[in-house]
Amino acid sequence: MADFSDIIDQEQMKEHMQHVLQTGKVSHAYIISGENGSGKEFIARIFAKALQCENKNMRGEYLESCNECPSCVKALSENHPDIITITHEKPNSIGVDDIRSQLRDDVVIKPYESRYKIYIIPEGEKMTAAAQNALLKTLEEPPAYIVIIILTSNINAFLPTIISRCIVLPMKVARDDSIKKFLMEKCQIVDYKAMLCASFARGNVGKALDLASNERFENLKNETIELVTKLKHLEIHDIMDRVHMILEPAEGDEKSSKKGIDLRQYADFMDILIFLFRDMLVYKATENEDHLIFTDKVSYIRSVTREISYEEIGNIIKDMEIAKSRITSNVNIDLALELMLLSMKEHL
């Protein structure tokens, strides 16, 4: 039963929604913008449930839905007749017919049992220009009882006239310590793994959850660091063979390209390397393992930092940043990795 108290950080958004619930001054349209996995729909459904709740009450610092009235029970089962999620058959497009049939033609019907009729539009950036214009007609003359919540990872995809008629609520990156605490308390993730997932997620709660439950990421981390430990004893062709094995796409992975390259694997691979050598910098400066991300690799980090200088670690990190930029640009990825790993091999 998700409530406002379960939302990680996002203080400004919670403050705005709490003000709406306490004053009853509800806008007819909101845009919640943030990257994929940041929790937009999670927050939208908490807000929608609270708007429709028949017996809201203060619990702690938040005015929360009761989670027991008929409205809440239906909202929790995602079976509320007055909380409508707009769907679309085409995976990459929300067309004008989708908006007309599910929203514009439907708003004339008053709520079946609640005060509001709430429409949630996930992936709002996929609306075509025609679909946005159809939505605009409703936004220009909205019935008093409707609330439209548009979720998007790209607010620039909307017509200025759409944005001007909505209250925009941007998602903020969540703090690492907040994500770590959530993973440890709610998901029973051990502390070092929770810290690692929080660091890699860069403020995205959904990504942190995915990493925490993803065996692929754990294997990638271990295999990548194992490769680094053996670099100085390997020839470059052996190094690249191992890299290709590590980065081999997971079977059936949708994000792999036609060439078999898993771009997500490359991004995580590079991040693991960068965080590992940043850990080395931190440990060399402080000899304190409390601030490390890879706390399970402290013995290796300690052994390397005895033999390597600050300048050498800094140069390795610069080479990795260059390689990461080249990989992002799809510029001869193998060559970029080869140059980076050769440089790393020389310094280790």
Protein backbone atom coordinates (compact mmCIF):
# COMPACT_ATOMS: atom_id res chain seq x y z
CA MET A 1 0.00 0.00 0.00
CA ALA A 2 2.09 2.90 -1.29
CA ASP A 3 1.64 6.31 0.32
CA PHE A 4 3.42 9.67 0.33
CA SER A 5 5.65 8.42 3.14
CA ASP A 6 6.96 5.76 0.72
CA ILE A 7 8.16 8.30 -1.87
CA ILE A 8 11.95 8.65 -1.69
CA ASP A 9 12.96 12.33 -1.48
CA GLN A 10 11.03 14.47 -4.07
CA GLU A 11 10.24 16.97 -1.31
CA GLN A 12 9.03 19.77 -3.62
CA MET A 13 6.63 17.49 -5.46
CA LYS A 14 5.25 16.04 -2.23
CA GLU A 15 4.85 19.54 -0.80
CA HIS A 16 2.85 20.64 -3.86
CA MET A 17 0.61 17.56 -3.81
CA GLN A 18 0.04 17.88 -0.06
CA HIS A 19 -1.02 21.50 -0.54
CA VAL A 20 -3.50 20.39 -3.21
CA LEU A 21 -4.97 17.71 -0.93
CA GLN A 22 -5.24 20.04 2.07
CA THR A 23 -6.76 23.00 0.22
CA GLY A 24 -8.77 21.18 -2.44
CA LYS A 25 -7.27 23.48 -5.10
CA VAL A 26 -6.75 20.82 -7.77
CA SER A 27 -5.46 21.72 -11.22
CA HIS A 28 -7.06 20.11 -14.24
CA ALA A 29 -3.67 18.99 -15.63
CA TYR A 30 -0.20 18.04 -14.39
CA ILE A 31 2.99 16.95 -16.11
CA ILE A 32 5.38 14.81 -14.05
CA SER A 33 8.71 14.77 -15.87
CA GLY A 34 11.74 12.63 -15.12
CA GLU A 35 13.93 9.93 -16.60
CA ASN A 36 12.70 6.38 -17.11
CA GLY A 37 12.56 4.42 -13.87
CA SER A 38 12.52 7.49 -11.63
CA GLY A 39 9.10 6.67 -10.15
CA LYS A 40 6.74 8.97 -12.06
CA GLU A 41 3.85 6.51 -12.29
CA PHE A 42 4.38 5.38 -8.70
CA ILE A 43 3.90 8.98 -7.51
CA ALA A 44 1.00 9.66 -9.92
CA ARG A 45 -0.95 6.69 -8.56
CA ILE A 46 -0.35 7.72 -4.94
CA PHE A 47 -1.63 11.21 -5.80
CA ALA A 48 -4.64 9.84 -7.71
CA LYS A 49 -5.53 7.46 -4.89
CA ALA A 50 -5.36 10.28 -2.34
CA LEU A 51 -7.48 12.62 -4.49
CA GLN A 52 -10.22 10.00 -4.67
CA CYS A 53 -10.01 8.79 -1.06
CA GLU A 54 -13.18 9.22 1.01
CA ASN A 55 -11.44 9.29 4.42
CA LYS A 56 -8.04 10.98 4.11
CA ASN A 57 -6.18 11.38 7.41
CA MET A 58 -2.92 12.75 8.76
CA ARG A 59 -0.30 10.07 9.37
CA GLY A 60 3.02 11.47 10.45
CA GLU A 61 3.77 14.54 8.35
CA TYR A 62 1.53 13.67 5.39
CA LEU A 63 -2.18 13.75 4.63
CA GLU A 64 -2.62 10.20 3.34
CA SER A 65 -5.36 8.13 1.77
CA CYS A 66 -6.97 5.68 4.21
CA ASN A 67 -6.30 2.61 2.01
CA GLU A 68 -9.54 1.08 3.38
CA CYS A 69 -12.49 2.89 1.79
CA PRO A 70 -14.08 1.41 -1.38
CA SER A 71 -12.29 4.01 -3.52
CA CYS A 72 -8.85 3.16 -2.10
CA VAL A 73 -9.44 -0.58 -2.40
CA LYS A 74 -10.25 -0.16 -6.10
CA ALA A 75 -7.32 2.21 -6.66
CA LEU A 76 -4.90 -0.23 -5.04
CA SER A 77 -6.11 -3.02 -7.33
CA GLU A 78 -5.86 -0.62 -10.32
CA ASN A 79 -9.55 -1.24 -10.92
CA HIS A 80 -10.98 2.19 -10.14
CA PRO A 81 -13.56 3.33 -12.74
CA ASP A 82 -12.56 6.98 -12.25
CA ILE A 83 -8.78 6.47 -12.48
CA ILE A 84 -8.14 5.75 -16.15
CA THR A 85 -4.78 4.88 -17.71
CA ILE A 86 -4.41 5.81 -21.38
CA THR A 87 -3.01 2.91 -23.41
CA HIS A 88 -1.79 2.65 -27.00
CA GLU A 89 -1.40 -0.26 -29.42
CA LYS A 90 1.58 1.13 -31.32
CA PRO A 91 4.65 0.74 -29.08
CA ASN A 92 6.32 4.00 -30.09
CA SER A 93 3.35 6.25 -30.67
CA ILE A 94 0.24 7.53 -28.90
CA GLY A 95 -2.02 8.47 -31.78
CA VAL A 96 -4.91 10.87 -32.13
CA ASP A 97 -7.43 8.00 -32.02
CA ASP A 98 -6.02 6.87 -28.66
CA ILE A 99 -6.57 10.32 -27.15
CA ARG A 100 -9.97 10.82 -28.79
CA SER A 101 -11.45 7.46 -27.81
CA GLN A 102 -9.99 7.08 -24.32
CA LEU A 103 -9.95 10.70 -23.16
CA ARG A 104 -11.53 13.44 -25.27
CA ASP A 105 -14.76 11.56 -26.00
CA ASP A 106 -14.83 10.12 -22.47
CA VAL A 107 -14.51 13.34 -20.44
CA VAL A 108 -18.11 14.29 -21.18
CA ILE A 109 -19.20 11.38 -18.95
CA LYS A 110 -19.20 12.46 -15.31
CA PRO A 111 -17.31 10.43 -12.68
CA TYR A 112 -19.04 7.15 -11.89
CA GLU A 113 -18.57 7.27 -8.13
CA SER A 114 -15.83 9.71 -7.11
CA ARG A 115 -15.32 13.46 -7.00
CA TYR A 116 -12.80 13.45 -9.85
CA LYS A 117 -12.22 11.62 -13.07
CA ILE A 118 -8.45 11.15 -13.32
CA TYR A 119 -6.62 10.28 -16.53
CA ILE A 120 -3.00 9.08 -16.33
CA ILE A 121 -0.99 9.22 -19.58
CA PRO A 122 2.27 7.21 -19.28
CA GLU A 123 5.01 7.91 -21.86
CA GLY A 124 3.35 11.19 -22.78
CA GLU A 125 6.28 12.14 -25.01
CA LYS A 126 5.02 9.51 -27.47
CA MET A 127 1.92 11.56 -28.31
CA THR A 128 1.92 12.61 -31.94
CA ALA A 129 1.31 16.25 -32.86
CA ALA A 130 -2.26 15.34 -33.81
CA ALA A 131 -2.77 13.56 -30.48
CA GLN A 132 -1.45 16.59 -28.60
CA ASN A 133 -3.80 18.87 -30.50
CA ALA A 134 -6.71 16.58 -29.62
CA LEU A 135 -5.67 16.72 -25.96
CA LEU A 136 -5.30 20.49 -26.18
CA LYS A 137 -9.01 20.89 -26.97
CA THR A 138 -9.82 19.23 -23.64
CA LEU A 139 -7.21 21.26 -21.77
CA GLU A 140 -8.66 24.50 -23.16
CA GLU A 141 -12.17 23.80 -21.83
CA PRO A 142 -11.85 21.10 -19.17
CA PRO A 143 -14.85 19.90 -17.19
CA ALA A 144 -14.47 20.83 -13.52
CA TYR A 145 -14.20 17.20 -12.42
CA ILE A 146 -11.27 16.03 -14.59
CA VAL A 147 -7.61 15.73 -13.62
CA ILE A 148 -5.09 14.74 -16.30
CA ILE A 149 -1.65 13.53 -15.18
CA ILE A 150 0.87 13.28 -18.03
CA LEU A 151 4.07 11.33 -17.36
CA THR A 152 7.11 11.96 -19.53
CA SER A 153 10.84 11.41 -19.84
CA ASN A 154 11.12 14.28 -22.36
CA ILE A 155 9.15 17.43 -21.67
CA ASN A 156 10.60 19.03 -24.81
CA ALA A 157 8.44 16.68 -26.87
CA PHE A 158 5.31 18.68 -26.02
CA LEU A 159 3.75 21.62 -27.77
CA PRO A 160 4.28 24.86 -25.80
CA THR A 161 0.51 25.22 -25.59
CA ILE A 162 0.26 21.88 -23.77
CA ILE A 163 2.95 22.84 -21.26
CA SER A 164 1.41 26.26 -20.61
CA ARG A 165 -1.89 24.64 -19.58
CA CYS A 166 -0.34 22.16 -17.13
CA ILE A 167 1.44 22.38 -13.80
CA VAL A 168 4.89 20.89 -14.41
CA LEU A 169 6.34 18.82 -11.56
CA PRO A 170 9.94 17.76 -12.35
CA MET A 171 11.44 14.72 -10.65
CA LYS A 172 14.66 15.40 -8.76
CA VAL A 173 17.49 12.89 -8.39
CA ALA A 174 17.18 11.00 -5.12
CA ARG A 175 20.09 11.10 -2.67
CA ASP A 176 22.36 8.05 -2.52
CA ASP A 177 21.87 7.66 1.23
CA SER A 178 18.07 7.75 0.80
CA ILE A 179 18.20 5.04 -1.88
CA LYS A 180 20.62 2.95 0.20
CA LYS A 181 18.34 3.17 3.23
CA PHE A 182 15.31 2.18 1.13
CA LEU A 183 17.10 -0.84 -0.38
CA MET A 184 18.30 -2.02 3.03
CA GLU A 185 15.03 -1.49 4.91
CA LYS A 186 12.40 -2.32 2.30
CA CYS A 187 14.24 -4.82 0.11
CA GLN A 188 16.59 -6.42 2.68
CA ILE A 189 19.66 -5.70 0.54
CA VAL A 190 22.99 -5.93 2.39
CA ASP A 191 24.68 -2.60 3.08
CA TYR A 192 27.64 -2.79 0.65
CA LYS A 193 25.40 -3.92 -2.24
CA ALA A 194 22.81 -1.24 -1.42
CA MET A 195 25.53 1.42 -1.51
CA LEU A 196 26.86 0.08 -4.82
CA CYS A 197 23.40 0.07 -6.44
CA ALA A 198 22.62 3.57 -5.13
CA SER A 199 25.89 4.93 -6.52
CA PHE A 200 25.38 3.39 -9.95
CA ALA A 201 21.74 4.48 -10.13
CA ARG A 202 22.71 8.18 -9.99
CA GLY A 203 19.53 9.18 -8.20
CA ASN A 204 17.17 6.92 -10.15
CA VAL A 205 15.27 4.72 -7.70
CA GLY A 206 13.95 2.41 -10.41
CA LYS A 207 17.45 1.72 -11.72
CA ALA A 208 18.69 1.05 -8.18
CA LEU A 209 15.91 -1.50 -7.68
CA ASP A 210 16.75 -3.12 -11.02
CA LEU A 211 20.45 -3.35 -10.18
CA ALA A 212 19.75 -4.76 -6.72
CA SER A 213 17.71 -7.61 -8.16
CA ASN A 214 19.76 -8.10 -11.32
CA GLU A 215 22.16 -11.04 -11.35
CA ARG A 216 23.54 -9.79 -14.68
CA PHE A 217 24.89 -6.64 -13.04
CA GLU A 218 26.48 -8.57 -10.15
CA ASN A 219 28.22 -10.89 -12.62
CA LEU A 220 29.32 -7.97 -14.78
CA LYS A 221 30.83 -6.22 -11.75
CA ASN A 222 32.77 -9.29 -10.64
CA GLU A 223 33.98 -10.24 -14.13
CA THR A 224 35.04 -6.67 -14.94
CA ILE A 225 37.08 -6.28 -11.76
CA GLU A 226 38.58 -9.73 -12.24
CA LEU A 227 39.72 -8.64 -15.71
CA VAL A 228 41.42 -5.57 -14.24
CA THR A 229 43.26 -7.69 -11.67
CA LYS A 230 44.73 -9.85 -14.47
CA LEU A 231 45.47 -7.11 -17.03
CA LYS A 232 49.23 -6.95 -16.58
CA HIS A 233 49.56 -10.70 -17.25
CA LEU A 234 47.48 -10.74 -20.46
CA GLU A 235 48.25 -9.89 -24.07
CA ILE A 236 45.94 -7.42 -25.78
CA HIS A 237 44.17 -10.07 -27.90
CA ASP A 238 43.42 -12.08 -24.74
CA ILE A 239 42.17 -8.92 -23.03
CA MET A 240 39.78 -8.11 -25.87
CA ASP A 241 38.53 -11.70 -26.05
CA ARG A 242 37.65 -11.47 -22.37
CA VAL A 243 35.98 -8.09 -22.86
CA HIS A 244 33.79 -9.54 -25.62
CA MET A 245 32.80 -12.45 -23.37
CA ILE A 246 31.95 -10.09 -20.50
CA LEU A 247 29.90 -7.82 -22.75
CA GLU A 248 28.10 -10.55 -24.65
CA PRO A 249 24.42 -9.50 -24.74
CA ALA A 250 21.99 -11.33 -22.52
CA GLU A 251 19.79 -13.69 -24.52
CA GLY A 252 16.71 -11.92 -25.86
CA ASP A 253 17.86 -8.48 -24.64
CA GLU A 254 15.75 -5.83 -26.38
CA LYS A 255 18.42 -3.16 -26.01
CA SER A 256 21.02 -4.99 -28.04
CA SER A 257 21.65 -3.50 -31.44
CA LYS A 258 21.65 -5.33 -34.74
CA LYS A 259 25.40 -5.86 -34.35
CA GLY A 260 24.86 -7.68 -31.09
CA ILE A 261 26.19 -4.80 -28.98
CA ASP A 262 24.39 -4.30 -25.69
CA LEU A 263 24.70 -0.57 -25.07
CA ARG A 264 23.51 -0.93 -21.49
CA GLN A 265 26.27 -3.48 -20.83
CA TYR A 266 28.89 -1.08 -22.22
CA ALA A 267 27.61 1.77 -20.05
CA ASP A 268 27.66 -0.36 -16.91
CA PHE A 269 31.07 -1.81 -17.80
CA MET A 270 32.56 1.66 -18.11
CA ASP A 271 30.89 2.88 -14.91
CA ILE A 272 32.29 -0.09 -12.98
CA LEU A 273 35.80 0.76 -14.17
CA ILE A 274 35.44 4.46 -13.40
CA PHE A 275 34.02 3.86 -9.92
CA LEU A 276 36.75 1.29 -9.19
CA PHE A 277 39.57 3.72 -9.97
CA ARG A 278 37.82 6.55 -8.16
CA ASP A 279 37.74 4.23 -5.14
CA MET A 280 41.49 3.84 -5.56
CA LEU A 281 41.93 7.61 -5.50
CA VAL A 282 39.81 7.91 -2.36
CA TYR A 283 41.63 5.11 -0.59
CA LYS A 284 45.07 6.42 -1.56
CA ALA A 285 44.14 9.83 -0.13
CA THR A 286 42.47 8.62 3.08
CA GLU A 287 43.34 4.95 3.64
CA ASN A 288 39.75 4.76 4.87
CA GLU A 289 37.49 2.09 3.38
CA ASP A 290 34.29 3.62 4.81
CA HIS A 291 33.88 5.90 1.77
CA LEU A 292 34.45 3.23 -0.88
CA ILE A 293 31.76 1.99 -3.24
CA PHE A 294 33.40 -1.40 -3.84
CA THR A 295 33.85 -2.24 -0.18
CA ASP A 296 33.93 -5.95 -1.07
CA LYS A 297 37.08 -5.34 -3.17
CA VAL A 298 39.03 -3.40 -0.54
CA SER A 299 41.95 -5.85 -0.38
CA TYR A 300 42.60 -5.47 -4.14
CA ILE A 301 42.17 -1.67 -3.96
CA ARG A 302 44.63 -1.53 -1.06
CA SER A 303 47.24 -3.60 -2.93
CA VAL A 304 47.03 -1.49 -6.10
CA THR A 305 47.24 1.87 -4.33
CA ARG A 306 50.54 0.83 -2.72
CA GLU A 307 52.14 0.59 -6.16
CA ILE A 308 50.47 3.32 -8.21
CA SER A 309 50.70 7.13 -8.03
CA TYR A 310 47.90 9.71 -7.91
CA GLU A 311 48.95 10.88 -11.37
CA GLU A 312 48.74 7.39 -12.84
CA ILE A 313 45.25 6.81 -11.41
CA GLY A 314 44.18 10.23 -12.71
CA ASN A 315 45.51 9.43 -16.20
CA ILE A 316 43.65 6.10 -16.23
CA ILE A 317 40.40 7.83 -15.29
CA LYS A 318 40.93 10.44 -18.04
CA ASP A 319 41.48 7.66 -20.59
CA MET A 320 38.29 5.96 -19.40
CA GLU A 321 36.28 9.16 -19.75
CA ILE A 322 37.58 9.54 -23.31
CA ALA A 323 36.70 5.92 -24.11
CA LYS A 324 33.24 6.33 -22.59
CA SER A 325 32.61 9.39 -24.76
CA ARG A 326 33.73 7.50 -27.89
CA ILE A 327 31.53 4.51 -27.04
CA THR A 328 28.53 6.80 -26.55
CA SER A 329 29.25 8.25 -30.00
CA ASN A 330 29.59 4.73 -31.48
CA VAL A 331 33.10 5.58 -32.75
CA ASN A 332 34.98 2.27 -33.27
CA ILE A 333 34.08 0.85 -29.87
CA ASP A 334 36.62 -1.98 -29.93
CA LEU A 335 39.46 0.43 -30.71
CA ALA A 336 38.35 2.81 -27.94
CA LEU A 337 38.33 -0.04 -25.41
CA GLU A 338 41.64 -1.42 -26.66
CA LEU A 339 43.43 1.93 -26.26
CA MET A 340 41.94 2.43 -22.80
CA LEU A 341 42.86 -1.05 -21.58
CA LEU A 342 46.40 -0.82 -22.97
CA SER A 343 46.92 2.41 -21.07
CA MET A 344 45.50 0.81 -17.92
CA LYS A 345 47.80 -2.23 -18.36
CA GLU A 346 50.87 0.04 -18.59
CA HIS A 347 50.07 1.82 -15.32
CA LEU A 348 48.99 -1.14 -13.19
